Amino acid sequence: MVHDRGGVRLRGPEAVLNRVESVSQSGCRLSATNVTVGINRALSAGSQARQHLGTDGSGGCRPLVATQVTTGVNLALGPRSSALQSIDSSGPRGLLATTNLARGVNIAAGSRSGAGQRILSQTGQ
């Protein structure tokens, strides 16, 4: 079973071709890809690491196909270390298809260490 998500429901190949032609004639991109990657680490004893990333690729035209990847690695490896990471990203929603992937690795491996991670990945209207 196939499910349509995040786009305009089109019936028949002719409707899809008309949509492709209208987007290409408007000057908009046919596809958009946004990738946000953050790596944050506190390695030595008593160290602190903080990271805040933000990307906004949502402005302008809506492409036919949109892909967004948001990922982060946050490590507190030293004894009594602290690592905090926050990643915010936004991108356009595709007219025909949208893929949004958000993943994170958050590890506090040092003795009495702490790690906190927040990943927010949004697609626009």
Foldseek 3Di string as FASTA:
>chain_A
DDDFPQADDDPDPVRVVVVQVVCVVVVHAQEEEEEAEEEWEAAEAQEETEEEEEEEAADDDAHQEYEYEYEYEWEYHYANYETEYEYYYEYEGHNGYYHYYYYYHWDYHHHNYYYYYYYYYYYDD
